[in-house]
PDB file of N, CA and C in Angstrom:
ATOM      1  N   UNK A   1    -116.647  78.816   0.698  1.00  0.00           N
ATOM      2  CA  UNK A   1    -117.062  77.750   0.892  1.00  0.00           C
ATOM      3  C   UNK A   1    -116.004  76.662   1.330  1.00  0.00           C
ATOM      4  N   UNK A   2    -116.222  75.851   2.135  1.00  0.00           N
ATOM      5  CA  UNK A   2    -114.929  74.936   2.408  1.00  0.00           C
ATOM      6  C   UNK A   2    -115.431  73.664   1.617  1.00  0.00           C
ATOM      7  N   UNK A   3    -114.534  72.838   1.058  1.00  0.00           N
ATOM      8  CA  UNK A   3    -115.017  71.396   0.356  1.00  0.00           C
ATOM      9  C   UNK A   3    -115.779  70.287   1.287  1.00  0.00           C
ATOM     10  N   UNK A   4    -115.778  70.610   2.471  1.00  0.00           N
ATOM     11  CA  UNK A   4    -116.408  69.387   3.154  1.00  0.00           C
ATOM     12  C   UNK A   4    -117.844  69.633   3.037  1.00  0.00           C
ATOM     13  N   UNK A   5    -118.311  70.914   2.289  1.00  0.00           N
ATOM     14  CA  UNK A   5    -119.912  70.956   2.438  1.00  0.00           C
ATOM     15  C   UNK A   5    -120.314  72.185   3.124  1.00  0.00           C
ATOM     16  N   UNK A   6    -119.300  72.772   3.512  1.00  0.00           N
ATOM     17  CA  UNK A   6    -120.196  73.905   4.704  1.00  0.00           C
ATOM     18  C   UNK A   6    -120.075  75.193   4.188  1.00  0.00           C
ATOM     19  N   UNK A   7    -121.353  76.356   3.842  1.00  0.00           N
ATOM     20  CA  UNK A   7    -121.389  77.011   3.380  1.00  0.00           C
ATOM     21  C   UNK A   7    -121.743  78.145   4.414  1.00  0.00           C
ATOM     22  N   UNK A   8    -121.583  79.569   3.849  1.00  0.00           N
ATOM     23  CA  UNK A   8    -122.443  80.817   4.917  1.00  0.00           C
ATOM     24  C   UNK A   8    -123.519  80.895   4.188  1.00  0.00           C
ATOM     25  N   UNK A   9    -124.427  81.559   4.907  1.00  0.00           N
ATOM     26  CA  UNK A   9    -125.869  81.681   3.991  1.00  0.00           C
ATOM     27  C   UNK A   9    -125.269  82.695   2.666  1.00  0.00           C
ATOM     28  N   UNK A  10    -124.549  83.814   3.041  1.00  0.00           N
ATOM     29  CA  UNK A  10    -124.590  84.587   1.874  1.00  0.00           C
ATOM     30  C   UNK A  10    -124.068  83.569   0.562  1.00  0.00           C
ATOM     31  N   UNK A  11    -123.009  82.652   0.854  1.00  0.00           N
ATOM     32  CA  UNK A  11    -122.523  81.717  -0.393  1.00  0.00           C
ATOM     33  C   UNK A  11    -123.393  80.876  -0.818  1.00  0.00           C
ATOM     34  N   UNK A  12    -124.305  80.726  -0.296  1.00  0.00           N
ATOM     35  CA  UNK A  12    -125.277  79.238  -0.454  1.00  0.00           C
ATOM     36  C   UNK A  12    -126.501  80.307  -1.261  1.00  0.00           C
ATOM     37  N   UNK A  13    -126.619  81.445  -1.103  1.00  0.00           N
ATOM     38  CA  UNK A  13    -127.612  82.181  -1.924  1.00  0.00           C
ATOM     39  C   UNK A  13    -126.999  82.737  -3.024  1.00  0.00           C
ATOM     40  N   UNK A  14    -125.916  82.961  -3.245  1.00  0.00           N
ATOM     41  CA  UNK A  14    -125.107  83.577  -4.478  1.00  0.00           C
ATOM     42  C   UNK A  14    -124.980  82.147  -5.326  1.00  0.00           C
ATOM     43  N   UNK A  15    -124.920  80.880  -4.783  1.00  0.00           N
ATOM     44  CA  UNK A  15    -124.354  79.942  -5.688  1.00  0.00           C
ATOM     45  C   UNK A  15    -125.211  79.039  -5.593  1.00  0.00           C
ATOM     46  N   UNK A  16    -126.815  79.223  -5.422  1.00  0.00           N
ATOM     47  CA  UNK A  16    -127.642  78.184  -4.902  1.00  0.00           C
ATOM     48  C   UNK A  16    -127.922  76.758  -6.008  1.00  0.00           C
ATOM     49  N   UNK A  17    -127.342  77.188  -7.060  1.00  0.00           N
ATOM     50  CA  UNK A  17    -127.362  75.733  -7.931  1.00  0.00           C
ATOM     51  C   UNK A  17    -126.293  74.791  -7.683  1.00  0.00           C
ATOM     52  N   UNK A  18    -125.156  75.471  -7.348  1.00  0.00           N
ATOM     53  CA  UNK A  18    -124.073  74.738  -7.045  1.00  0.00           C
ATOM     54  C   UNK A  18    -124.230  74.037  -5.641  1.00  0.00           C
ATOM     55  N   UNK A  19    -124.982  74.772  -4.702  1.00  0.00           N
ATOM     56  CA  UNK A  19    -125.424  74.319  -3.398  1.00  0.00           C
ATOM     57  C   UNK A  19    -126.280  73.128  -3.371  1.00  0.00           C
ATOM     58  N   UNK A  20    -126.924  73.202  -4.283  1.00  0.00           N
ATOM     59  CA  UNK A  20    -128.000  71.886  -5.001  1.00  0.00           C
ATOM     60  C   UNK A  20    -127.405  70.528  -5.337  1.00  0.00           C
ATOM     61  N   UNK A  21    -126.562  71.291  -6.692  1.00  0.00           N
ATOM     62  CA  UNK A  21    -125.581  69.989  -6.954  1.00  0.00           C
ATOM     63  C   UNK A  21    -124.689  69.538  -6.449  1.00  0.00           C
ATOM     64  N   UNK A  22    -123.988  69.844  -5.071  1.00  0.00           N
ATOM     65  CA  UNK A  22    -123.302  69.175  -4.230  1.00  0.00           C
ATOM     66  C   UNK A  22    -123.833  68.301  -3.206  1.00  0.00           C
ATOM     67  N   UNK A  23    -125.276  69.059  -3.194  1.00  0.00           N
ATOM     68  CA  UNK A  23    -126.237  68.097  -1.946  1.00  0.00           C
ATOM     69  C   UNK A  23    -126.548  66.602  -2.857  1.00  0.00           C
ATOM     70  N   UNK A  24    -126.594  67.208  -4.246  1.00  0.00           N
ATOM     71  CA  UNK A  24    -126.934  65.813  -4.532  1.00  0.00           C
ATOM     72  C   UNK A  24    -126.338  65.026  -5.102  1.00  0.00           C
ATOM     73  N   UNK A  25    -124.908  65.344  -5.899  1.00  0.00           N
ATOM     74  CA  UNK A  25    -123.673  64.261  -5.825  1.00  0.00           C
ATOM     75  C   UNK A  25    -122.803  64.283  -4.660  1.00  0.00           C
ATOM     76  N   UNK A  26    -122.456  64.703  -3.692  1.00  0.00           N
ATOM     77  CA  UNK A  26    -121.746  65.045  -2.557  1.00  0.00           C
ATOM     78  C   UNK A  26    -122.533  64.227  -1.230  1.00  0.00           C
ATOM     79  N   UNK A  27    -123.404  64.920  -1.034  1.00  0.00           N
ATOM     80  CA  UNK A  27    -124.096  64.720   0.464  1.00  0.00           C
ATOM     81  C   UNK A  27    -124.363  65.872   0.770  1.00  0.00           C
ATOM     82  N   UNK A  28    -124.955  65.819   2.608  1.00  0.00           N
ATOM     83  CA  UNK A  28    -125.719  66.944   2.833  1.00  0.00           C
ATOM     84  C   UNK A  28    -124.496  68.096   2.972  1.00  0.00           C
ATOM     85  N   UNK A  29    -125.648  69.115   3.022  1.00  0.00           N
ATOM     86  CA  UNK A  29    -124.376  70.654   2.824  1.00  0.00           C
ATOM     87  C   UNK A  29    -124.932  71.426   4.039  1.00  0.00           C
ATOM     88  N   UNK A  30    -123.840  71.678   4.610  1.00  0.00           N
ATOM     89  CA  UNK A  30    -124.498  73.068   5.766  1.00  0.00           C
ATOM     90  C   UNK A  30    -124.669  74.257   5.414  1.00  0.00           C
ATOM     91  N   UNK A  31    -125.192  74.870   6.023  1.00  0.00           N
ATOM     92  CA  UNK A  31    -125.397  76.252   5.632  1.00  0.00           C
ATOM     93  C   UNK A  31    -125.453  77.155   6.944  1.00  0.00           C
ATOM     94  N   UNK A  32    -124.387  77.553   7.389  1.00  0.00           N
ATOM     95  CA  UNK A  32    -124.477  78.611   8.769  1.00  0.00           C
ATOM     96  C   UNK A  32    -124.625  80.073   8.547  1.00  0.00           C
ATOM     97  N   UNK A  33    -125.664  80.534   9.770  1.00  0.00           N
ATOM     98  CA  UNK A  33    -125.651  81.905   9.771  1.00  0.00           C
ATOM     99  C   UNK A  33    -125.829  82.106  10.724  1.00  0.00           C
ATOM    100  N   UNK A  34    -126.398  83.420  11.350  1.00  0.00           N
ATOM    101  CA  UNK A  34    -126.392  84.027  12.808  1.00  0.00           C
ATOM    102  C   UNK A  34    -127.544  83.364  13.271  1.00  0.00           C
ATOM    103  N   UNK A  35    -128.380  82.688  12.719  1.00  0.00           N
ATOM    104  CA  UNK A  35    -129.616  82.088  13.629  1.00  0.00           C
ATOM    105  C   UNK A  35    -129.277  80.789  13.821  1.00  0.00           C
ATOM    106  N   UNK A  36    -128.491  80.195  13.462  1.00  0.00           N
ATOM    107  CA  UNK A  36    -128.421  78.427  13.568  1.00  0.00           C
ATOM    108  C   UNK A  36    -127.344  77.806  12.104  1.00  0.00           C
ATOM    109  N   UNK A  37    -127.556  76.802  12.281  1.00  0.00           N
ATOM    110  CA  UNK A  37    -126.895  75.653  11.437  1.00  0.00           C
ATOM    111  C   UNK A  37    -128.022  75.084  10.456  1.00  0.00           C
ATOM    112  N   UNK A  38    -127.996  74.974   9.276  1.00  0.00           N
ATOM    113  CA  UNK A  38    -129.317  74.534   8.401  1.00  0.00           C
ATOM    114  C   UNK A  38    -128.401  73.196   7.549  1.00  0.00           C
ATOM    115  N   UNK A  39    -129.233  72.068   7.488  1.00  0.00           N
ATOM    116  CA  UNK A  39    -128.435  71.346   6.604  1.00  0.00           C
ATOM    117  C   UNK A  39    -129.620  70.637   5.467  1.00  0.00           C
ATOM    118  N   UNK A  40    -128.934  70.693   4.275  1.00  0.00           N
ATOM    119  CA  UNK A  40    -129.707  70.515   3.064  1.00  0.00           C
ATOM    120  C   UNK A  40    -128.885  69.297   2.594  1.00  0.00           C
ATOM    121  N   UNK A  41    -130.504  68.231   2.720  1.00  0.00           N
ATOM    122  CA  UNK A  41    -129.921  66.725   2.241  1.00  0.00           C
ATOM    123  C   UNK A  41    -131.090  66.416   1.048  1.00  0.00           C
ATOM    124  N   UNK A  42    -130.501  65.444  -0.072  1.00  0.00           N
ATOM    125  CA  UNK A  42    -131.556  65.497  -0.888  1.00  0.00           C
ATOM    126  C   UNK A  42    -131.805  64.221  -0.902  1.00  0.00           C
ATOM    127  N   UNK A  43    -133.218  63.827  -1.012  1.00  0.00           N
ATOM    128  CA  UNK A  43    -133.763  62.075  -0.747  1.00  0.00           C
ATOM    129  C   UNK A  43    -134.247  61.844  -2.371  1.00  0.00           C
ATOM    130  N   UNK A  44    -134.042  60.572  -2.828  1.00  0.00           N
ATOM    131  CA  UNK A  44    -134.302  60.558  -3.937  1.00  0.00           C
ATOM    132  C   UNK A  44    -135.772  60.204  -3.597  1.00  0.00           C
ATOM    133  N   UNK A  45    -136.668  60.409  -5.047  1.00  0.00           N
ATOM    134  CA  UNK A  45    -138.465  60.071  -4.831  1.00  0.00           C
ATOM    135  C   UNK A  45    -138.436  58.693  -5.752  1.00  0.00           C
ATOM    136  N   UNK A  46    -138.618  58.298  -5.008  1.00  0.00           N
ATOM    137  CA  UNK A  46    -138.812  56.391  -5.744  1.00  0.00           C
ATOM    138  C   UNK A  46    -139.855  56.429  -6.178  1.00  0.00           C
ATOM    139  N   UNK A  47    -141.318  56.843  -5.994  1.00  0.00           N
ATOM    140  CA  UNK A  47    -142.322  57.039  -6.455  1.00  0.00           C
ATOM    141  C   UNK A  47    -142.151  57.258  -7.883  1.00  0.00           C
ATOM    142  N   UNK A  48    -141.419  57.878  -8.389  1.00  0.00           N
ATOM    143  CA  UNK A  48    -141.446  58.523  -9.961  1.00  0.00           C
ATOM    144  C   UNK A  48    -140.795  57.051 -10.818  1.00  0.00           C
ATOM    145  N   UNK A  49    -141.083  57.249 -11.791  1.00  0.00           N
ATOM    146  CA  UNK A  49    -140.385  56.468 -12.829  1.00  0.00           C
ATOM    147  C   UNK A  49    -139.177  56.911 -13.466  1.00  0.00           C
ATOM    148  N   UNK A  50    -137.771  56.272 -13.313  1.00  0.00           N
ATOM    149  CA  UNK A  50    -136.446  56.248 -14.146  1.00  0.00           C
ATOM    150  C   UNK A  50    -137.050  57.302 -15.390  1.00  0.00           C
ATOM    151  N   UNK A  51    -136.688  58.696 -15.909  1.00  0.00           N
ATOM    152  CA  UNK A  51    -136.682  59.031 -17.402  1.00  0.00           C
ATOM    153  C   UNK A  51    -136.946  58.302 -18.661  1.00  0.00           C
ATOM    154  N   UNK A  52    -135.309  57.652 -18.193  1.00  0.00           N
ATOM    155  CA  UNK A  52    -135.011  56.824 -18.998  1.00  0.00           C
ATOM    156  C   UNK A  52    -135.877  55.776 -19.437  1.00  0.00           C
ATOM    157  N   UNK A  53    -135.963  55.025 -18.467  1.00  0.00           N
ATOM    158  CA  UNK A  53    -137.303  53.572 -18.665  1.00  0.00           C
ATOM    159  C   UNK A  53    -138.431  54.385 -19.353  1.00  0.00           C
ATOM    160  N   UNK A  54    -138.886  55.709 -18.901  1.00  0.00           N
ATOM    161  CA  UNK A  54    -140.297  55.725 -18.916  1.00  0.00           C
ATOM    162  C   UNK A  54    -140.139  55.838 -20.820  1.00  0.00           C
ATOM    163  N   UNK A  55    -139.174  56.901 -21.100  1.00  0.00           N
ATOM    164  CA  UNK A  55    -139.068  56.936 -22.468  1.00  0.00           C
ATOM    165  C   UNK A  55    -138.980  55.536 -23.451  1.00  0.00           C
ATOM    166  N   UNK A  56    -137.933  54.766 -22.546  1.00  0.00           N
ATOM    167  CA  UNK A  56    -137.694  53.356 -23.231  1.00  0.00           C
ATOM    168  C   UNK A  56    -139.141  52.483 -23.516  1.00  0.00           C
ATOM    169  N   UNK A  57    -139.802  52.705 -22.321  1.00  0.00           N
ATOM    170  CA  UNK A  57    -141.208  51.784 -22.826  1.00  0.00           C
ATOM    171  C   UNK A  57    -142.429  52.280 -23.429  1.00  0.00           C
ATOM    172  N   UNK A  58    -142.011  53.740 -23.881  1.00  0.00           N
ATOM    173  CA  UNK A  58    -142.943  54.684 -24.721  1.00  0.00           C
ATOM    174  C   UNK A  58    -142.682  54.543 -26.168  1.00  0.00           C
ATOM    175  N   UNK A  59    -141.343  53.855 -26.714  1.00  0.00           N
ATOM    176  CA  UNK A  59    -140.979  53.627 -27.982  1.00  0.00           C
ATOM    177  C   UNK A  59    -142.220  52.828 -28.923  1.00  0.00           C
ATOM    178  N   UNK A  60    -142.259  52.925 -29.662  1.00  0.00           N
ATOM    179  CA  UNK A  60    -142.804  52.001 -31.001  1.00  0.00           C
ATOM    180  C   UNK A  60    -142.606  50.651 -30.759  1.00  0.00           C
ATOM    181  N   UNK A  61    -143.290  49.708 -30.940  1.00  0.00           N
ATOM    182  CA  UNK A  61    -143.009  48.506 -30.761  1.00  0.00           C
ATOM    183  C   UNK A  61    -143.143  47.892 -32.175  1.00  0.00           C
ATOM    184  N   UNK A  62    -142.411  46.682 -32.430  1.00  0.00           N
ATOM    185  CA  UNK A  62    -142.104  46.341 -33.731  1.00  0.00           C
ATOM    186  C   UNK A  62    -140.942  46.399 -34.510  1.00  0.00           C
TER     187      UNK A  62
END
């Protein structure tokens, strides 16, 4: 895999966790195979509350 986020399908399959992490932290990742080029892009789910804020709000008051 090249550092700019281009993967072969074989590399993406064998290192799926790293593919997801790089899509989350670096940006879109391209996966190339014989049928075409696929782009993996991560979108933040703004409908869910941040876990740290949730836990902070659930702490005992007083």
